[in-house]
């Protein structure tokens, strides 16, 4: 973990909802957000291929 992430920081920040505006990244970088299903289906094959599980 990062040195600034300690128990005090965790108590203050975990279990809180964070909101941000991703439209600049979408607009400037052409980012497209994947659905959770797409993310899982895209992540699992490399994990298996690399023998991580």
N, C-alpha and C. Protein backbone atom coordinates (compact mmCIF):
# COMPACT_ATOMS: atom_id res chain seq x y z
N UNK A 1 0.82 -1.20 0.00
CA UNK A 1 0.00 0.00 0.00
C UNK A 1 0.85 1.25 0.00
N UNK A 2 0.25 2.33 -0.41
CA UNK A 2 0.93 3.63 -0.39
C UNK A 2 1.13 4.04 1.06
N UNK A 3 2.26 4.70 1.39
CA UNK A 3 2.54 5.08 2.78
C UNK A 3 1.47 5.97 3.41
N UNK A 4 0.76 6.75 2.60
CA UNK A 4 -0.27 7.63 3.17
C UNK A 4 -1.57 6.89 3.48
N UNK A 5 -1.68 5.66 3.05
CA UNK A 5 -2.89 4.89 3.33
C UNK A 5 -2.66 4.12 4.63
N UNK A 6 -3.19 4.68 5.69
CA UNK A 6 -3.07 4.03 7.00
C UNK A 6 -4.48 3.83 7.56
N UNK A 7 -4.57 3.33 8.76
CA UNK A 7 -5.87 3.05 9.36
C UNK A 7 -6.72 4.30 9.50
N UNK A 8 -6.11 5.40 9.88
CA UNK A 8 -6.85 6.66 10.01
C UNK A 8 -7.43 7.10 8.67
N UNK A 9 -6.61 7.03 7.63
CA UNK A 9 -7.08 7.41 6.29
C UNK A 9 -8.22 6.49 5.85
N UNK A 10 -8.05 5.20 6.08
CA UNK A 10 -9.06 4.23 5.67
C UNK A 10 -10.39 4.50 6.36
N UNK A 11 -10.35 4.77 7.65
CA UNK A 11 -11.60 5.05 8.38
C UNK A 11 -12.29 6.29 7.83
N UNK A 12 -11.52 7.28 7.43
CA UNK A 12 -12.10 8.53 6.94
C UNK A 12 -12.62 8.42 5.51
N UNK A 13 -12.04 7.54 4.70
CA UNK A 13 -12.36 7.54 3.28
C UNK A 13 -13.08 6.31 2.75
N UNK A 14 -12.93 5.17 3.38
CA UNK A 14 -13.59 3.98 2.86
C UNK A 14 -15.07 4.01 3.17
N UNK A 15 -15.82 3.30 2.36
CA UNK A 15 -17.28 3.23 2.48
C UNK A 15 -17.94 4.58 2.19
N UNK A 16 -17.29 5.40 1.37
CA UNK A 16 -17.85 6.67 0.93
C UNK A 16 -18.00 6.60 -0.58
N UNK A 17 -19.00 7.27 -1.08
CA UNK A 17 -19.20 7.32 -2.53
C UNK A 17 -18.39 8.47 -3.11
N UNK A 18 -17.71 8.19 -4.19
CA UNK A 18 -16.93 9.21 -4.87
C UNK A 18 -17.58 9.50 -6.22
N UNK A 19 -17.59 10.77 -6.58
CA UNK A 19 -18.17 11.17 -7.85
C UNK A 19 -17.16 12.02 -8.60
N UNK A 20 -17.05 11.80 -9.90
CA UNK A 20 -16.16 12.60 -10.72
C UNK A 20 -16.75 12.70 -12.11
N UNK A 21 -16.28 13.67 -12.84
CA UNK A 21 -16.75 13.91 -14.20
C UNK A 21 -15.71 13.34 -15.16
N UNK A 22 -16.07 12.29 -15.84
CA UNK A 22 -15.14 11.64 -16.77
C UNK A 22 -15.29 12.16 -18.19
N UNK A 23 -16.15 13.15 -18.40
CA UNK A 23 -16.37 13.61 -19.77
C UNK A 23 -15.12 14.17 -20.44
N UNK A 24 -14.17 14.84 -19.72
CA UNK A 24 -12.95 15.27 -20.41
C UNK A 24 -12.15 14.09 -20.98
N UNK A 25 -12.04 13.01 -20.23
CA UNK A 25 -11.32 11.84 -20.73
C UNK A 25 -12.06 11.21 -21.91
N UNK A 26 -13.38 11.17 -21.80
CA UNK A 26 -14.17 10.62 -22.90
C UNK A 26 -14.00 11.46 -24.15
N UNK A 27 -14.06 12.76 -23.98
CA UNK A 27 -13.98 13.68 -25.11
C UNK A 27 -12.55 13.77 -25.67
N UNK A 28 -11.58 14.06 -24.81
CA UNK A 28 -10.21 14.32 -25.26
C UNK A 28 -9.44 13.06 -25.65
N UNK A 29 -9.70 11.96 -24.96
CA UNK A 29 -8.96 10.73 -25.21
C UNK A 29 -9.76 9.69 -25.98
N UNK A 30 -11.03 9.99 -26.19
CA UNK A 30 -11.88 9.04 -26.90
C UNK A 30 -12.17 7.79 -26.10
N UNK A 31 -12.17 7.92 -24.77
CA UNK A 31 -12.41 6.75 -23.92
C UNK A 31 -13.86 6.30 -24.03
N UNK A 32 -14.03 4.99 -23.94
CA UNK A 32 -15.36 4.40 -23.88
C UNK A 32 -15.39 3.49 -22.67
N UNK A 33 -16.37 3.69 -21.80
CA UNK A 33 -16.47 2.88 -20.59
C UNK A 33 -17.08 1.53 -20.93
N UNK A 34 -16.50 0.50 -20.33
CA UNK A 34 -17.01 -0.85 -20.54
C UNK A 34 -18.01 -1.20 -19.45
N UNK A 35 -18.94 -2.07 -19.79
CA UNK A 35 -19.88 -2.56 -18.79
C UNK A 35 -19.12 -3.51 -17.87
N UNK A 36 -19.66 -3.77 -16.68
CA UNK A 36 -19.00 -4.75 -15.80
C UNK A 36 -18.83 -6.11 -16.49
N UNK A 37 -19.81 -6.51 -17.27
CA UNK A 37 -19.72 -7.79 -17.97
C UNK A 37 -18.55 -7.79 -18.96
N UNK A 38 -18.40 -6.70 -19.72
CA UNK A 38 -17.29 -6.59 -20.68
C UNK A 38 -15.95 -6.61 -19.95
N UNK A 39 -15.89 -5.93 -18.81
CA UNK A 39 -14.64 -5.86 -18.05
C UNK A 39 -14.22 -7.24 -17.55
N UNK A 40 -15.18 -7.99 -17.02
CA UNK A 40 -14.86 -9.33 -16.51
C UNK A 40 -14.48 -10.25 -17.65
N UNK A 41 -15.26 -10.24 -18.71
CA UNK A 41 -14.97 -11.13 -19.84
C UNK A 41 -13.64 -10.79 -20.51
N UNK A 42 -13.23 -9.52 -20.48
CA UNK A 42 -11.95 -9.13 -21.05
C UNK A 42 -10.78 -9.39 -20.13
N UNK A 43 -11.02 -9.49 -18.84
CA UNK A 43 -9.95 -9.66 -17.86
C UNK A 43 -9.62 -11.12 -17.57
N UNK A 44 -10.60 -11.97 -17.63
CA UNK A 44 -10.40 -13.37 -17.24
C UNK A 44 -9.45 -14.13 -18.16
N UNK A 45 -9.60 -14.05 -19.49
CA UNK A 45 -8.69 -14.84 -20.34
C UNK A 45 -7.20 -14.57 -20.10
N UNK A 46 -6.73 -13.30 -20.01
CA UNK A 46 -5.31 -13.10 -19.75
C UNK A 46 -4.86 -13.66 -18.39
N UNK A 47 -5.74 -13.62 -17.41
CA UNK A 47 -5.40 -14.16 -16.09
C UNK A 47 -5.16 -15.66 -16.20
N UNK A 48 -6.04 -16.35 -16.91
CA UNK A 48 -5.89 -17.79 -17.08
C UNK A 48 -4.67 -18.10 -17.95
N UNK A 49 -4.50 -17.36 -19.06
CA UNK A 49 -3.38 -17.60 -19.98
C UNK A 49 -2.03 -17.43 -19.29
N UNK A 50 -1.94 -16.51 -18.35
CA UNK A 50 -0.68 -16.26 -17.65
C UNK A 50 -0.49 -17.16 -16.44
N UNK A 51 -1.45 -18.03 -16.19
CA UNK A 51 -1.33 -18.98 -15.08
C UNK A 51 -1.43 -18.33 -13.71
N UNK A 52 -2.11 -17.19 -13.64
CA UNK A 52 -2.24 -16.50 -12.35
C UNK A 52 -3.27 -17.17 -11.46
N UNK A 53 -4.12 -18.02 -12.03
CA UNK A 53 -5.05 -18.82 -11.22
C UNK A 53 -5.04 -20.24 -11.73
